[in-house]
Amino acid sequence: MVSNVMSLPWKLTFQKNNFKIPIIIIGGILIAAVLIFFSNYSCGVQHMQILNEINSFEKTLDPEFCEVIVEKIDLFNDSCKPEIEILDCG
């Protein structure tokens, strides 16, 4: 009889902890995934933005806009891969 009384609090404790452990594991995995995603995300986003700006430049052929894009390409090529070919603003 005594063992049943002592085991009841332990059972309740383990039942409460069963929900905490998976939540902690899932939270840790999500945090790691977000960190990995954002470490590579910025180069990918910059690459897409530059490509979109190049397409906009090809429609307008504005030389001032071209110089802005070339500066962005230089910064991108210094920190990210693949490298983007520099535009000829002519």
N, C-alpha and C. Protein backbone atom coordinates (compact mmCIF):
# COMPACT_ATOMS: atom_id res chain seq x y z
N MET A 1 0.81 -1.18 0.00
CA MET A 1 0.00 0.00 0.00
C MET A 1 0.86 1.26 0.00
N VAL A 2 1.94 1.25 0.73
CA VAL A 2 2.81 2.41 0.82
C VAL A 2 3.44 2.70 -0.54
N SER A 3 3.82 1.66 -1.27
CA SER A 3 4.46 1.87 -2.56
C SER A 3 3.52 2.52 -3.56
N ASN A 4 2.22 2.22 -3.46
CA ASN A 4 1.26 2.85 -4.36
C ASN A 4 1.12 4.34 -4.07
N VAL A 5 1.17 4.72 -2.82
CA VAL A 5 1.05 6.13 -2.45
C VAL A 5 2.28 6.90 -2.89
N MET A 6 3.46 6.31 -2.77
CA MET A 6 4.70 6.98 -3.17
C MET A 6 4.84 7.04 -4.70
N SER A 7 4.33 6.05 -5.39
CA SER A 7 4.50 6.03 -6.83
C SER A 7 3.56 7.00 -7.55
N LEU A 8 2.44 7.35 -6.95
CA LEU A 8 1.50 8.27 -7.58
C LEU A 8 2.12 9.64 -7.89
N PRO A 9 2.83 10.29 -6.95
CA PRO A 9 3.47 11.57 -7.31
C PRO A 9 4.50 11.42 -8.42
N TRP A 10 5.23 10.32 -8.42
CA TRP A 10 6.23 10.12 -9.48
C TRP A 10 5.56 9.94 -10.83
N LYS A 11 4.45 9.22 -10.86
CA LYS A 11 3.72 9.04 -12.11
C LYS A 11 3.23 10.38 -12.64
N LEU A 12 2.71 11.20 -11.75
CA LEU A 12 2.23 12.52 -12.17
C LEU A 12 3.38 13.39 -12.67
N THR A 13 4.52 13.29 -12.01
CA THR A 13 5.69 14.06 -12.42
C THR A 13 6.14 13.65 -13.81
N PHE A 14 6.21 12.35 -14.06
CA PHE A 14 6.65 11.88 -15.37
C PHE A 14 5.63 12.20 -16.46
N GLN A 15 4.36 12.20 -16.14
CA GLN A 15 3.35 12.55 -17.12
C GLN A 15 3.48 14.03 -17.52
N LYS A 16 3.78 14.89 -16.58
CA LYS A 16 3.95 16.31 -16.89
C LYS A 16 5.22 16.52 -17.73
N ASN A 17 6.28 15.80 -17.43
CA ASN A 17 7.54 15.97 -18.15
C ASN A 17 7.50 15.37 -19.54
N ASN A 18 6.59 14.44 -19.80
CA ASN A 18 6.51 13.83 -21.12
C ASN A 18 6.15 14.86 -22.19
N PHE A 19 5.42 15.89 -21.82
CA PHE A 19 5.09 16.93 -22.80
C PHE A 19 6.20 17.97 -22.92
N LYS A 20 6.96 18.18 -21.88
CA LYS A 20 8.02 19.19 -21.91
C LYS A 20 9.19 18.76 -22.78
N ILE A 21 9.58 17.52 -22.71
CA ILE A 21 10.76 17.06 -23.44
C ILE A 21 10.57 17.18 -24.95
N PRO A 22 9.48 16.68 -25.54
CA PRO A 22 9.32 16.86 -27.00
C PRO A 22 9.23 18.33 -27.41
N ILE A 23 8.61 19.15 -26.58
CA ILE A 23 8.51 20.58 -26.90
C ILE A 23 9.89 21.21 -26.90
N ILE A 24 10.73 20.86 -25.94
CA ILE A 24 12.09 21.39 -25.89
C ILE A 24 12.89 20.92 -27.10
N ILE A 25 12.75 19.66 -27.46
CA ILE A 25 13.49 19.12 -28.62
C ILE A 25 13.03 19.81 -29.91
N ILE A 26 11.73 19.92 -30.10
CA ILE A 26 11.21 20.57 -31.31
C ILE A 26 11.62 22.04 -31.35
N GLY A 27 11.58 22.72 -30.21
CA GLY A 27 12.01 24.11 -30.16
C GLY A 27 13.48 24.27 -30.53
N GLY A 28 14.32 23.38 -30.03
CA GLY A 28 15.74 23.42 -30.37
C GLY A 28 15.98 23.20 -31.85
N ILE A 29 15.27 22.25 -32.43
CA ILE A 29 15.41 21.98 -33.86
C ILE A 29 14.95 23.18 -34.68
N LEU A 30 13.85 23.81 -34.28
CA LEU A 30 13.36 24.98 -35.01
C LEU A 30 14.34 26.15 -34.93
N ILE A 31 14.91 26.37 -33.75
CA ILE A 31 15.89 27.45 -33.61
C ILE A 31 17.11 27.19 -34.48
N ALA A 32 17.60 25.95 -34.49
CA ALA A 32 18.76 25.61 -35.33
C ALA A 32 18.42 25.78 -36.80
N ALA A 33 17.23 25.37 -37.22
CA ALA A 33 16.83 25.50 -38.62
C ALA A 33 16.73 26.96 -39.03
N VAL A 34 16.18 27.79 -38.17
CA VAL A 34 16.07 29.22 -38.48
C VAL A 34 17.44 29.86 -38.61
N LEU A 35 18.36 29.51 -37.73
CA LEU A 35 19.72 30.06 -37.80
C LEU A 35 20.42 29.63 -39.08
N ILE A 36 20.29 28.38 -39.46
CA ILE A 36 20.91 27.90 -40.70
C ILE A 36 20.26 28.58 -41.90
N PHE A 37 18.95 28.70 -41.86
CA PHE A 37 18.22 29.32 -42.97
C PHE A 37 18.65 30.76 -43.18
N PHE A 38 18.73 31.54 -42.10
CA PHE A 38 19.09 32.95 -42.24
C PHE A 38 20.56 33.16 -42.54
N SER A 39 21.42 32.23 -42.20
CA SER A 39 22.83 32.40 -42.54
C SER A 39 23.04 32.30 -44.05
N ASN A 40 22.26 31.48 -44.73
CA ASN A 40 22.37 31.36 -46.18
C ASN A 40 21.32 32.19 -46.91
N TYR A 41 20.31 32.60 -46.19
CA TYR A 41 19.16 33.30 -46.78
C TYR A 41 19.54 34.65 -47.34
N SER A 42 20.40 35.38 -46.68
CA SER A 42 20.69 36.73 -47.12
C SER A 42 21.35 36.76 -48.49
N CYS A 43 22.26 35.84 -48.76
CA CYS A 43 22.89 35.81 -50.09
C CYS A 43 21.87 35.46 -51.17
N GLY A 44 21.00 34.52 -50.88
CA GLY A 44 19.98 34.14 -51.86
C GLY A 44 19.01 35.27 -52.15
N VAL A 45 18.62 35.97 -51.10
CA VAL A 45 17.69 37.09 -51.28
C VAL A 45 18.37 38.22 -52.04
N GLN A 46 19.62 38.53 -51.68
CA GLN A 46 20.35 39.57 -52.40
C GLN A 46 20.50 39.21 -53.87
N HIS A 47 20.79 37.96 -54.15
CA HIS A 47 20.96 37.50 -55.54
C HIS A 47 19.68 37.72 -56.33
N MET A 48 18.55 37.33 -55.76
CA MET A 48 17.27 37.51 -56.45
C MET A 48 16.94 39.00 -56.63
N GLN A 49 17.22 39.82 -55.62
CA GLN A 49 16.95 41.25 -55.74
C GLN A 49 17.78 41.88 -56.85
N ILE A 50 19.05 41.50 -56.92
CA ILE A 50 19.92 42.06 -57.96
C ILE A 50 19.44 41.61 -59.33
N LEU A 51 19.06 40.36 -59.47
CA LEU A 51 18.55 39.88 -60.77
C LEU A 51 17.28 40.62 -61.17
N ASN A 52 16.40 40.88 -60.21
CA ASN A 52 15.19 41.66 -60.51
C ASN A 52 15.53 43.09 -60.90
N GLU A 53 16.51 43.68 -60.23
CA GLU A 53 16.91 45.05 -60.58
C GLU A 53 17.56 45.09 -61.96
N ILE A 54 18.30 44.05 -62.31
CA ILE A 54 18.90 43.99 -63.66
C ILE A 54 17.80 43.92 -64.71
N ASN A 55 16.76 43.14 -64.45
CA ASN A 55 15.63 43.07 -65.39
C ASN A 55 14.94 44.43 -65.50
N SER A 56 14.79 45.14 -64.39
CA SER A 56 14.19 46.47 -64.44
C SER A 56 15.08 47.44 -65.21
N PHE A 57 16.39 47.33 -65.02
CA PHE A 57 17.33 48.21 -65.73
C PHE A 57 17.25 47.97 -67.23
N GLU A 58 17.12 46.72 -67.65
CA GLU A 58 17.06 46.41 -69.08
C GLU A 58 15.83 47.04 -69.73
N LYS A 59 14.78 47.26 -68.95
CA LYS A 59 13.58 47.91 -69.49
C LYS A 59 13.74 49.42 -69.57
N THR A 60 14.43 50.03 -68.57
CA THR A 60 14.54 51.49 -68.52
C THR A 60 15.83 52.03 -69.12
N LEU A 61 16.93 51.28 -68.99
CA LEU A 61 18.27 51.68 -69.45
C LEU A 61 18.71 53.01 -68.84
N ASP A 62 18.34 53.23 -67.58
CA ASP A 62 18.71 54.43 -66.84
C ASP A 62 20.15 54.29 -66.33
N PRO A 63 21.10 55.16 -66.75
CA PRO A 63 22.50 55.01 -66.36
C PRO A 63 22.74 55.18 -64.86
N GLU A 64 21.97 56.04 -64.20
CA GLU A 64 22.14 56.21 -62.75
C GLU A 64 21.71 54.95 -62.01
N PHE A 65 20.64 54.34 -62.46
CA PHE A 65 20.17 53.09 -61.86
C PHE A 65 21.20 51.99 -62.10
N CYS A 66 21.84 52.01 -63.25
CA CYS A 66 22.88 51.02 -63.56
C CYS A 66 24.03 51.13 -62.58
N GLU A 67 24.45 52.33 -62.26
CA GLU A 67 25.56 52.51 -61.32
C GLU A 67 25.21 51.99 -59.93
N VAL A 68 23.97 52.18 -59.53
CA VAL A 68 23.51 51.66 -58.23
C VAL A 68 23.57 50.13 -58.24
N ILE A 69 23.13 49.54 -59.32
CA ILE A 69 23.15 48.08 -59.43
C ILE A 69 24.59 47.56 -59.42
N VAL A 70 25.50 48.24 -60.11
CA VAL A 70 26.90 47.81 -60.15
C VAL A 70 27.50 47.84 -58.74
N GLU A 71 27.17 48.85 -57.96
CA GLU A 71 27.66 48.90 -56.57
C GLU A 71 27.13 47.72 -55.77
N LYS A 72 25.85 47.40 -55.95
CA LYS A 72 25.27 46.26 -55.24
C LYS A 72 25.92 44.95 -55.69
N ILE A 73 26.21 44.84 -56.98
CA ILE A 73 26.86 43.63 -57.49
C ILE A 73 28.25 43.49 -56.90
N ASP A 74 29.00 44.59 -56.80
CA ASP A 74 30.33 44.54 -56.20
C ASP A 74 30.27 44.06 -54.76
N LEU A 75 29.35 44.60 -53.98
CA LEU A 75 29.20 44.18 -52.59
C LEU A 75 28.80 42.71 -52.50
N PHE A 76 27.90 42.30 -53.38
CA PHE A 76 27.44 40.91 -53.39
C PHE A 76 28.59 39.97 -53.73
N ASN A 77 29.34 40.31 -54.77
CA ASN A 77 30.44 39.43 -55.21
C ASN A 77 31.53 39.31 -54.15
N ASP A 78 31.71 40.34 -53.30
CA ASP A 78 32.70 40.26 -52.24
C ASP A 78 32.30 39.29 -51.14
N SER A 79 31.00 39.14 -50.90
CA SER A 79 30.57 38.34 -49.75
C SER A 79 29.84 37.06 -50.09
N CYS A 80 29.37 36.89 -51.31
CA CYS A 80 28.54 35.73 -51.64
C CYS A 80 29.00 35.06 -52.93
N LYS A 81 28.54 33.85 -53.10
CA LYS A 81 28.74 33.11 -54.34
C LYS A 81 27.38 32.66 -54.81
N PRO A 82 27.08 32.50 -56.05
CA PRO A 82 27.90 32.70 -57.23
C PRO A 82 28.07 34.18 -57.54
N GLU A 83 29.13 34.48 -58.24
CA GLU A 83 29.37 35.87 -58.59
C GLU A 83 28.49 36.29 -59.75
N ILE A 84 28.05 37.53 -59.73
CA ILE A 84 27.23 38.09 -60.80
C ILE A 84 28.12 38.96 -61.67
N GLU A 85 27.95 38.83 -62.98
CA GLU A 85 28.76 39.62 -63.91
C GLU A 85 28.37 41.10 -63.80
N ILE A 86 29.41 41.97 -63.81
CA ILE A 86 29.19 43.41 -63.68
C ILE A 86 28.59 43.95 -64.96
N LEU A 87 27.61 44.83 -64.80
CA LEU A 87 26.95 45.42 -65.97
C LEU A 87 27.82 46.48 -66.62
N ASP A 88 27.65 46.64 -67.92
CA ASP A 88 28.31 47.73 -68.66
C ASP A 88 27.30 48.86 -68.76
N CYS A 89 27.53 49.93 -68.00
CA CYS A 89 26.58 51.05 -67.97
C CYS A 89 26.72 51.95 -69.19
N GLY A 90 27.81 51.78 -69.95
CA GLY A 90 28.06 52.49 -71.20
C GLY A 90 27.62 53.85 -71.22
